[in-house]
Protein backbone atom coordinates (compact mmCIF):
# COMPACT_ATOMS: atom_id res chain seq x y z
CA MET A 1 0.00 0.00 0.00
CA ALA A 2 3.07 2.21 -0.20
CA ASN A 3 3.16 5.11 -2.70
CA ASN A 4 -0.51 4.71 -3.63
CA LYS A 5 -1.62 8.32 -3.24
CA ILE A 6 -3.67 7.34 -0.21
CA LYS A 7 -4.78 10.48 1.58
CA VAL A 8 -7.33 9.19 4.07
CA ILE A 9 -7.88 5.84 5.78
CA LYS A 10 -11.05 5.61 7.84
CA GLU A 11 -12.36 2.88 10.07
CA GLY A 12 -13.65 0.01 7.96
CA TYR A 13 -11.47 0.77 4.93
CA LEU A 14 -9.27 -2.23 5.71
CA PRO A 15 -10.96 -5.66 5.93
CA SER A 16 -11.46 -6.85 9.50
CA SER A 17 -9.84 -10.21 8.68
CA LEU A 18 -6.72 -8.36 7.57
CA MET A 19 -6.67 -6.19 10.67
CA VAL A 20 -6.85 -9.18 13.02
CA ASN A 21 -3.86 -10.98 11.47
CA LEU A 22 -1.87 -7.89 10.56
CA THR A 23 1.86 -8.14 11.34
CA THR A 24 3.36 -5.61 8.92
CA LEU A 25 1.93 -2.70 6.96
CA ASP A 26 3.76 -0.35 4.63
CA LEU A 27 1.99 2.96 4.10
CA SER A 28 5.09 4.98 3.29
CA GLY A 29 5.15 7.53 0.51
CA ASN A 30 1.43 8.32 0.64
CA PRO A 31 0.29 11.98 0.60
CA PHE A 32 -1.63 11.91 3.88
CA ASP A 33 -4.25 14.51 4.66
CA CYS A 34 -3.47 15.78 8.16
CA SER A 35 -7.00 16.78 9.06
CA CYS A 36 -9.81 15.36 11.15
CA GLU A 37 -10.56 13.03 8.25
CA ASN A 38 -7.65 10.94 9.51
CA LEU A 39 -8.58 11.08 13.19
CA TRP A 40 -9.30 7.34 13.28
CA LEU A 41 -6.06 6.51 11.42
CA ARG A 42 -3.88 8.46 13.86
CA LYS A 43 -5.57 6.90 16.90
CA TRP A 44 -5.25 3.42 15.39
CA MET A 45 -1.58 3.93 14.48
CA ASN A 46 -0.74 5.08 18.00
CA ASN A 47 -2.51 2.07 19.50
CA ILE A 48 -1.01 -0.50 17.12
CA LEU A 49 2.50 0.86 17.62
CA HIS A 50 2.21 0.16 21.34
CA GLN A 51 1.36 -3.44 20.53
CA ASN A 52 3.82 -3.92 17.65
CA PRO A 53 6.52 -1.22 17.34
CA ASN A 54 7.79 -2.75 14.07
CA ILE A 55 4.48 -3.07 12.26
CA PHE A 56 5.28 -0.28 9.81
CA SER A 57 8.20 -0.24 7.36
CA ASN A 58 11.71 0.64 8.38
CA ASN A 59 11.11 4.03 6.83
CA TYR A 60 8.63 4.98 9.56
CA PRO A 61 8.19 7.71 10.54
CA LYS A 62 10.29 9.76 8.09
CA THR A 63 8.42 8.67 4.93
CA TYR A 64 5.00 9.12 6.52
CA GLN A 65 4.34 12.79 5.90
CA CYS A 66 1.47 15.23 5.61
CA ALA A 67 0.71 16.55 2.11
CA THR A 68 -2.31 18.63 3.05
CA PRO A 69 -3.22 21.11 4.31
CA SER A 70 -0.48 23.34 2.99
CA SER A 71 0.31 24.63 6.48
CA LEU A 72 1.32 21.10 7.53
CA LYS A 73 2.94 19.95 4.27
CA GLY A 74 6.13 18.03 5.01
CA THR A 75 5.21 17.51 8.66
CA LEU A 76 5.66 13.96 9.91
CA LEU A 77 2.35 12.16 10.25
CA LYS A 78 3.57 11.04 13.66
CA SER A 79 3.51 14.66 14.81
CA TYR A 80 -0.13 15.16 13.89
CA ASN A 81 -2.26 14.04 16.84
CA PRO A 82 -5.78 15.47 16.72
CA THR A 83 -8.20 14.84 19.58
CA GLU A 84 -11.91 14.13 19.62
CA GLU A 85 -12.46 17.63 20.99
CA ASP A 86 -10.42 19.18 18.16
CA CYS A 87 -12.53 17.37 15.59
CA ARG A 88 -15.97 18.06 16.97
CA PRO A 89 -18.33 19.58 14.38
CA TRP A 90 -18.76 23.34 14.73
CA GLY A 91 -22.48 22.84 15.15
CA HIS A 92 -21.90 20.90 18.36
CA VAL A 93 -19.36 23.43 19.57
CA LEU A 94 -21.77 26.28 18.85
CA MET A 95 -24.54 24.45 20.68
CA ASP A 96 -22.27 23.96 23.70
CA ILE A 97 -21.44 27.66 23.67
CA ILE A 98 -25.13 28.60 23.51
CA ILE A 99 -26.06 26.20 26.32
CA THR A 100 -23.19 27.37 28.53
CA SER A 101 -23.95 31.05 27.87
CA SER A 102 -27.64 30.52 28.60
CA ALA A 103 -26.82 28.73 31.84
CA ILE A 104 -24.54 31.59 32.91
CA VAL A 105 -27.23 34.18 32.10
CA ILE A 106 -29.85 32.19 34.05
CA VAL A 107 -27.55 31.81 37.07
CA PHE A 108 -26.68 35.52 37.12
CA SER A 109 -30.36 36.44 36.70
CA CYS A 110 -31.31 34.22 39.63
CA VAL A 111 -28.54 35.70 41.76
CA ALA A 112 -29.70 39.22 40.85
CA VAL A 113 -33.33 38.44 41.74
CA LEU A 114 -32.28 36.82 45.02
CA TYR A 115 -30.14 39.85 45.87
CA ILE A 116 -32.87 42.36 45.06
CA HIS A 117 -35.44 40.47 47.13
CA ARG A 118 -33.04 39.22 49.80
CA TRP A 119 -34.86 40.90 52.68
CA ASN A 120 -38.26 39.63 51.56
CA ILE A 121 -36.81 36.14 51.31
CA ARG A 122 -35.17 36.37 54.72
CA TYR A 123 -38.41 37.57 56.27
CA ILE A 124 -40.48 34.81 54.62
CA LEU A 125 -38.04 32.14 55.78
CA HIS A 126 -38.19 33.51 59.29
CA ALA A 127 -42.00 33.58 59.17
CA ILE A 128 -42.12 29.95 58.02
CA LEU A 129 -39.88 28.90 60.91
CA LYS A 130 -42.07 30.79 63.33
CA ARG A 131 -45.19 29.09 62.02
CA ARG A 132 -43.57 25.69 62.46
CA LYS A 133 -42.87 26.64 66.05
CA LYS A 134 -46.61 27.40 66.43
CA TYR A 135 -45.96 31.12 66.84
CA THR A 136 -49.08 32.88 68.15
CA PRO A 137 -49.79 36.49 67.11
CA LEU A 138 -49.92 38.96 69.96
CA ASN A 139 -53.03 40.88 71.02
CA GLU A 140 -53.09 44.48 72.21
CA ALA A 141 -53.07 43.48 75.86
CA ASP A 142 -50.01 41.31 75.39
CA PHE A 143 -47.67 43.96 73.99
CA HIS A 144 -44.52 44.21 76.05
CA TYR A 145 -43.28 47.51 74.61
CA ASP A 146 -45.01 50.75 73.78
CA VAL A 147 -42.60 51.49 70.95
CA TYR A 148 -40.03 49.54 68.96
CA VAL A 149 -37.33 51.86 67.62
CA ALA A 150 -35.47 50.89 64.43
CA TYR A 151 -32.37 52.98 63.78
CA SER A 152 -28.84 52.98 62.44
CA ASP A 153 -25.96 52.63 64.89
CA LYS A 154 -24.56 55.86 63.47
CA ASP A 155 -27.67 57.69 64.70
CA ARG A 156 -27.30 56.32 68.25
CA PRO A 157 -26.41 59.74 69.78
CA TRP A 158 -29.75 61.20 68.64
CA ILE A 159 -31.61 58.15 69.93
CA ARG A 160 -29.93 58.46 73.32
CA ASP A 161 -29.99 62.25 73.74
CA GLU A 162 -33.35 63.07 72.18
CA LEU A 163 -35.74 60.15 71.66
CA TRP A 164 -34.92 58.10 74.75
CA ARG A 165 -34.77 61.13 77.02
CA LYS A 166 -38.14 62.43 75.83
CA LEU A 167 -40.19 59.24 75.49
CA ASP A 168 -38.71 57.13 78.27
CA ASN A 169 -37.43 59.55 80.88
CA GLU A 170 -40.10 62.23 80.51
CA LYS A 171 -43.16 60.37 79.21
CA GLY A 172 -42.56 57.00 80.86
CA LEU A 173 -43.05 54.99 77.68
CA LYS A 174 -41.41 51.60 77.45
CA LEU A 175 -39.16 51.56 74.40
CA TYR A 176 -37.41 48.69 72.70
CA ILE A 177 -33.95 50.10 71.99
CA ARG A 178 -31.62 47.45 70.64
CA ASP A 179 -28.61 48.65 72.66
CA LYS A 180 -30.58 48.54 75.91
CA SER A 181 -33.11 45.76 75.38
CA GLU A 182 -31.60 43.09 73.13
CA ASP A 183 -31.57 39.58 74.59
CA PRO A 184 -28.22 37.78 74.42
CA GLY A 185 -28.21 34.43 72.67
CA VAL A 186 -31.14 35.30 70.38
CA SER A 187 -30.52 35.50 66.64
CA LYS A 188 -30.78 38.95 65.10
CA CYS A 189 -33.66 37.94 62.81
CA ASP A 190 -35.62 36.45 65.71
CA SER A 191 -34.92 39.44 67.91
CA ILE A 192 -36.12 41.93 65.28
CA VAL A 193 -39.36 40.12 64.41
CA ASP A 194 -40.26 39.03 67.95
CA ASN A 195 -39.72 42.41 69.57
CA MET A 196 -41.26 44.37 66.71
CA TYR A 197 -44.40 42.21 66.93
CA ASP A 198 -44.29 42.63 70.72
CA SER A 199 -44.57 46.43 70.38
CA ARG A 200 -47.70 48.55 70.11
CA LYS A 201 -46.00 50.97 67.71
CA VAL A 202 -42.86 51.04 65.59
CA ILE A 203 -40.74 54.13 64.98
CA LEU A 204 -38.41 54.01 61.98
CA VAL A 205 -35.67 56.61 62.37
CA ILE A 206 -35.00 57.12 58.67
CA SER A 207 -31.76 58.76 57.60
CA GLY A 208 -29.01 58.33 55.05
CA ASN A 209 -27.33 56.04 57.57
CA PHE A 210 -30.51 53.99 57.97
CA MET A 211 -30.98 53.53 54.22
CA SER A 212 -27.34 52.44 53.83
CA CYS A 213 -27.58 49.73 56.50
CA PRO A 214 -28.65 46.19 55.41
CA TRP A 215 -30.12 45.31 58.80
CA CYS A 216 -32.09 48.56 58.85
CA GLN A 217 -33.46 47.62 55.44
CA TYR A 218 -34.53 44.29 56.89
CA GLN A 219 -36.35 46.02 59.75
CA LEU A 220 -38.03 48.32 57.24
CA GLN A 221 -39.23 45.30 55.25
CA VAL A 222 -40.54 43.49 58.33
CA ALA A 223 -42.34 46.63 59.50
CA GLN A 224 -43.95 47.23 56.11
CA ASN A 225 -45.13 43.63 55.88
CA ARG A 226 -46.64 43.87 59.35
CA SER A 227 -48.31 47.25 58.70
CA VAL A 228 -50.16 45.76 55.72
CA GLN A 229 -52.02 43.57 58.25
CA VAL A 230 -52.55 46.00 61.14
CA GLY A 231 -52.81 49.30 59.29
CA PRO A 232 -50.46 52.23 58.62
CA ASP A 233 -51.03 53.85 62.04
CA TRP A 234 -48.85 51.14 63.60
CA LEU A 235 -45.82 52.50 61.76
CA ILE A 236 -44.32 55.93 62.47
CA PRO A 237 -41.56 57.12 60.11
CA VAL A 238 -39.29 59.78 61.58
CA VAL A 239 -37.00 61.48 59.07
CA LEU A 240 -33.69 62.52 60.57
CA GLY A 241 -31.83 65.04 58.39
CA ASP A 242 -32.06 65.49 54.64
CA LEU A 243 -32.49 62.38 52.50
CA LYS A 244 -30.63 62.26 49.22
CA ILE A 245 -32.43 61.01 46.12
CA ARG A 246 -30.35 57.83 46.08
CA HIS A 247 -31.66 56.94 49.54
CA VAL A 248 -35.33 57.16 48.54
CA THR A 249 -35.98 53.62 47.34
CA LYS A 250 -39.31 52.50 45.88
CA SER A 251 -40.10 50.80 49.16
CA LEU A 252 -39.40 53.94 51.18
CA HIS A 253 -41.32 56.11 48.71
CA VAL A 254 -44.42 53.93 49.16
CA LEU A 255 -44.01 54.01 52.94
CA LEU A 256 -43.77 57.80 53.10
CA LYS A 257 -46.87 58.15 50.92
CA GLN A 258 -48.95 55.79 53.05
CA THR A 259 -47.98 57.09 56.49
CA ASN A 260 -47.69 60.41 58.28
CA MET A 261 -44.02 61.28 58.11
CA ILE A 262 -42.59 63.33 60.98
CA THR A 263 -39.44 65.35 60.31
CA TRP A 264 -36.85 66.29 62.92
CA SER A 265 -35.35 69.77 62.96
CA GLU A 266 -32.91 71.50 65.28
CA GLU A 267 -35.05 74.66 65.46
CA GLU A 268 -36.78 75.01 68.83
CA THR A 269 -40.22 75.73 67.42
CA ALA A 270 -39.88 72.82 64.99
CA LYS A 271 -38.83 70.55 67.88
CA GLN A 272 -42.03 71.37 69.77
CA LEU A 273 -44.09 70.51 66.69
CA PHE A 274 -42.09 67.30 66.21
CA TRP A 275 -42.72 66.02 69.74
CA SER A 276 -46.37 66.98 69.57
CA GLN A 277 -46.84 65.05 66.32
CA LEU A 278 -44.82 62.06 67.51
CA LEU A 279 -46.67 61.71 70.82
CA ALA A 280 -50.01 62.05 69.05
CA SER A 281 -49.03 59.26 66.65
CA ILE A 282 -47.94 57.01 69.51
CA GLU A 283 -51.14 57.62 71.47
CA LYS A 284 -53.29 56.98 68.39
CA CYS A 285 -54.13 53.37 69.17
CA ARG A 286 -55.61 50.85 66.82
CA ASP A 287 -57.55 47.89 68.18
CA LEU A 288 -55.42 44.88 67.39
CA ASN A 289 -57.29 42.37 69.53
CA ASP A 290 -58.84 40.54 66.58
CA VAL A 291 -55.97 40.97 64.12
CA GLU A 292 -54.31 37.71 63.12
CA ASP A 293 -50.85 37.67 61.76
CA ASP A 294 -51.90 36.88 58.19
CA SER A 295 -48.39 37.54 56.96
CA LEU A 296 -47.20 34.45 58.83
CA LYS A 297 -50.22 32.36 57.82
CA SER A 298 -49.96 33.29 54.15
CA THR A 299 -46.33 32.24 53.98
C-alpha cells in the first residue's frame, strides 16, 4: 500500500480479517491529509505501535508525511495528533457555547433576583420557621413595649440624647432600643421580628445612615409587611436630616406616601411641633385584639 496516493484511511477501509492478522503494513510515501478526516487513522496507528513497534516499514516515521493542508505539508504524520475535541463539528461546539452562555445568564439572573429580594426572602423564611414553632400572634393586651425603635448605629447619639430622654425619661413609655433591650443568645432575625411584633407601635428613624444599613433595610421590610395587616397607624416614620435622592428607594417612597411622616429639625419651634406630632401618633391606638398575623399564615 506504499506510494498509492492514499490520503485518508477511515475505520472500515481495511478488511477486518486483515486487521486481526496484521503483522506488517507499509503505508510509506502516501500523501496523507493531516486533518480530522484521519482522526481514526492516527488513533489506530498510535494504538497499534504500542502493541507492535515494528508493524510499519523501516522508513517509519520519516516517509509518513502530511501533504495537506499546505500549512502542515512536510510535517511527519507522527507529529499530527488530533483529539476528539479538536474534531468536533462546529455545530456541536456552537450548541455547547449557547447552552453554557444561557446557563450563565440564568444563574446571574437568579442571583440578581435573590439579591434584590433578599430581605423579603429572609423575612419569609423567618416567618415559616415561626409558624412551624406554632408562633401565636400577639393581642393588644399582650404587647410588652409601647414602641419599637429601628435605627442605624450611626444615629445612636440622637436616639440616646433626644428620643430616649423624651419618650422614656419624661413620658414613661417603654421603648425597645436594641442597645438597651436586646436579649443575648437570640438571633438577630428572631430578635427583630419578635420584639417588633411585641410592640404597640414602631418608629423608623429614617436617615441616610438607615438607608445604607442592610439590617435597617430588613427592619423596614418586616415593619412594612406587618403594617399591611394591622394598618399604617402602627408604623411611624421619623425622618432625621435630609435624605438624598439615592436613599429614597421605591419601598421607602411607598411608605412615606402611606404614612404620616414626621421630620426632625434643630429649630426650637420645629422641635415642639415634632414632639407633639410624635406623641399624638404614639397615642393613636388601633384595636389589634382581633388581628391575626396573616403575613405568617400566608407564607
